Amino acid sequence: MRFVLLPGQRHDTIGVAPLIQELHFGALLADKAFDVDWLRAELDHRGTIAVIPPKADRIRQIVYDKDIYHWRHLVENYFAKIKEFQGIATRYDKTDISYAANLNLAATIIAMRLLSTGSHRITISCRPETGSFGDWG
C-alpha cells in the first residue's frame, strides 16, 4: 500500500506524482478532481490509460470508459473500511509516523479479515498491448 499524507487544505492532485513515481500500471481510475492536464499528459507519456471523467467546465470533453470507471467503487469501499477505524477517520495521531503506522495496521487487519472469511482477491489488469481489461487474478 502506498500513500502520501497531505495537509488538509491542499488538493489531492499534489500527492499523485510521488505515488506513481517508479510505479508501472496499465490504467489509472480517478474521479473528476484528478482531471488535470499535467496528469493526463504524464499518463499519456507512460502509455497508461486515463479513466477519469472530465470536469464539467472542460472546454473539450474527453471520452473515458464508463464501464471500467465503475470499478472505482472498490477503492471507495476500501476507504470506507479504513474509516471504520476511528483514529484513522479523525486523524487522531499527533505525528505523521504514528498515523502511517496505524494506517498500515488497519490495512493489515482488513486484509486478515478478508483472508479469514475465505474471500478471494479480485485483480483487474490492463494489457497495454491490446488495451483490453479483464480478470486475470
Protein backbone atom coordinates (compact mmCIF):
# COMPACT_ATOMS: atom_id res chain seq x y z
CA MET A 1 0.00 0.00 0.00
CA ARG A 2 1.34 3.45 -0.94
CA PHE A 3 0.06 6.73 0.42
CA VAL A 4 1.19 10.32 0.89
CA LEU A 5 0.00 12.41 3.81
CA LEU A 6 -1.07 15.88 2.71
CA PRO A 7 -2.18 18.93 4.68
CA GLY A 8 -5.97 19.04 4.84
CA GLN A 9 -6.18 22.27 2.85
CA ARG A 10 -4.16 21.00 -0.15
CA HIS A 11 -5.65 19.48 -3.28
CA ASP A 12 -5.18 15.73 -3.68
CA THR A 13 -3.50 16.07 -7.08
CA ILE A 14 -0.26 17.25 -5.45
CA GLY A 15 0.15 13.78 -3.97
CA VAL A 16 -0.18 11.93 -7.28
CA ALA A 17 3.35 12.48 -8.64
CA PRO A 18 5.16 10.86 -5.69
CA LEU A 19 2.66 7.99 -5.60
CA ILE A 20 3.06 6.99 -9.23
CA GLN A 21 6.81 7.59 -9.42
CA GLU A 22 8.58 4.39 -10.49
CA LEU A 23 5.25 2.52 -10.45
CA HIS A 24 4.10 0.75 -13.60
CA PHE A 25 0.39 0.26 -14.26
CA GLY A 26 -1.91 -0.02 -17.24
CA ALA A 27 -4.70 2.35 -16.19
CA LEU A 28 -5.49 4.99 -13.61
CA LEU A 29 -9.07 5.21 -12.35
CA ALA A 30 -9.79 8.51 -10.64
CA ASP A 31 -12.65 10.92 -10.07
CA LYS A 32 -13.18 14.32 -11.68
CA ALA A 33 -10.91 16.06 -9.19
CA PHE A 34 -7.98 14.42 -10.99
CA ASP A 35 -8.97 15.73 -14.42
CA VAL A 36 -5.91 17.94 -14.79
CA ASP A 37 -3.85 18.39 -17.94
CA TRP A 38 -0.43 17.63 -16.41
CA LEU A 39 -1.65 14.27 -15.06
CA ARG A 40 -3.27 13.30 -18.34
CA ALA A 41 -0.06 14.24 -20.18
CA GLU A 42 2.04 12.16 -17.77
CA LEU A 43 -0.24 9.14 -18.17
CA ASP A 44 -0.21 9.52 -21.95
CA HIS A 45 3.60 9.73 -21.92
CA ARG A 46 3.72 6.46 -19.96
CA GLY A 47 1.24 4.75 -22.26
CA THR A 48 -1.20 4.44 -19.36
CA ILE A 49 -4.95 4.67 -19.91
CA ALA A 50 -6.61 7.54 -18.01
CA VAL A 51 -10.06 6.51 -16.84
CA ILE A 52 -11.02 9.90 -15.47
CA PRO A 53 -14.33 11.61 -16.22
CA PRO A 54 -13.83 15.17 -17.47
CA LYS A 55 -14.82 18.14 -15.35
CA ALA A 56 -18.00 19.89 -16.48
CA ASP A 57 -16.10 23.11 -17.22
CA ARG A 58 -13.60 21.46 -19.59
CA ILE A 59 -13.89 23.14 -22.98
CA ARG A 60 -13.23 19.94 -24.95
CA GLN A 61 -14.85 16.98 -23.23
CA ILE A 62 -12.64 13.89 -23.06
CA VAL A 63 -14.04 10.42 -23.63
CA TYR A 64 -13.45 7.82 -20.90
CA ASP A 65 -14.54 4.21 -20.47
CA LYS A 66 -17.60 4.36 -18.21
CA ASP A 67 -17.69 0.58 -17.78
CA ILE A 68 -14.15 0.49 -16.42
CA TYR A 69 -14.82 3.57 -14.27
CA HIS A 70 -17.47 1.63 -12.34
CA TRP A 71 -14.66 -0.48 -10.84
CA ARG A 72 -13.60 2.62 -8.85
CA HIS A 73 -16.16 1.64 -6.25
CA LEU A 74 -13.67 -0.94 -4.95
CA VAL A 75 -11.35 1.88 -3.93
CA GLU A 76 -14.21 3.80 -2.32
CA ASN A 77 -15.23 0.64 -0.43
CA TYR A 78 -11.68 0.28 0.85
CA PHE A 79 -11.66 3.88 2.12
CA ALA A 80 -14.97 3.21 3.86
CA LYS A 81 -13.42 0.15 5.56
CA ILE A 82 -10.37 2.17 6.64
CA LYS A 83 -12.64 4.87 8.09
CA GLU A 84 -14.25 2.26 10.37
CA PHE A 85 -11.12 2.78 12.46
CA GLN A 86 -12.00 6.00 14.29
CA GLY A 87 -8.39 7.07 14.85
CA ILE A 88 -7.77 6.93 11.09
CA ALA A 89 -11.00 8.70 10.15
CA THR A 90 -10.43 11.57 12.59
CA ARG A 91 -6.64 11.79 12.14
CA TYR A 92 -6.25 11.38 15.89
CA ASP A 93 -2.49 10.70 15.84
CA LYS A 94 -0.23 13.64 16.60
CA THR A 95 2.59 12.68 14.22
CA ASP A 96 2.68 11.55 10.60
CA ILE A 97 4.71 8.49 11.59
CA SER A 98 2.09 7.38 14.13
CA TYR A 99 -0.70 7.94 11.61
CA ALA A 100 1.17 5.96 8.94
CA ALA A 101 1.79 3.11 11.38
CA ASN A 102 -1.89 2.97 12.36
CA LEU A 103 -2.99 3.16 8.73
CA ASN A 104 -0.77 0.18 7.90
CA LEU A 105 -2.10 -1.68 10.95
CA ALA A 106 -5.70 -1.01 9.88
CA ALA A 107 -4.90 -2.21 6.34
CA THR A 108 -3.38 -5.39 7.77
CA ILE A 109 -6.44 -6.04 9.95
CA ILE A 110 -8.75 -5.56 6.94
CA ALA A 111 -6.63 -7.96 4.86
CA MET A 112 -6.65 -10.55 7.65
CA ARG A 113 -10.43 -10.31 7.96
CA LEU A 114 -10.78 -10.94 4.23
CA LEU A 115 -8.41 -13.88 4.34
CA SER A 116 -10.10 -15.42 7.37
CA THR A 117 -13.52 -15.32 5.70
CA GLY A 118 -12.22 -17.07 2.60
CA SER A 119 -12.79 -14.05 0.37
CA HIS A 120 -10.71 -14.03 -2.76
CA ARG A 121 -8.83 -11.07 -4.11
CA ILE A 122 -10.16 -9.54 -7.31
CA THR A 123 -7.45 -8.34 -9.65
CA ILE A 124 -8.32 -6.19 -12.62
CA SER A 125 -5.48 -5.76 -15.05
CA CYS A 126 -4.95 -3.97 -18.30
CA ARG A 127 -2.95 -5.43 -21.12
CA PRO A 128 -1.41 -2.30 -22.69
CA GLU A 129 -0.53 -4.06 -25.92
CA THR A 130 -4.23 -4.69 -26.61
CA GLY A 131 -5.82 -2.06 -24.36
CA SER A 132 -8.15 -4.75 -23.06
CA PHE A 133 -9.20 -5.20 -19.46
CA GLY A 134 -10.15 -8.38 -17.71
CA ASP A 135 -9.95 -10.50 -14.59
CA TRP A 136 -6.62 -12.30 -14.63
CA GLY A 137 -6.14 -12.54 -10.85
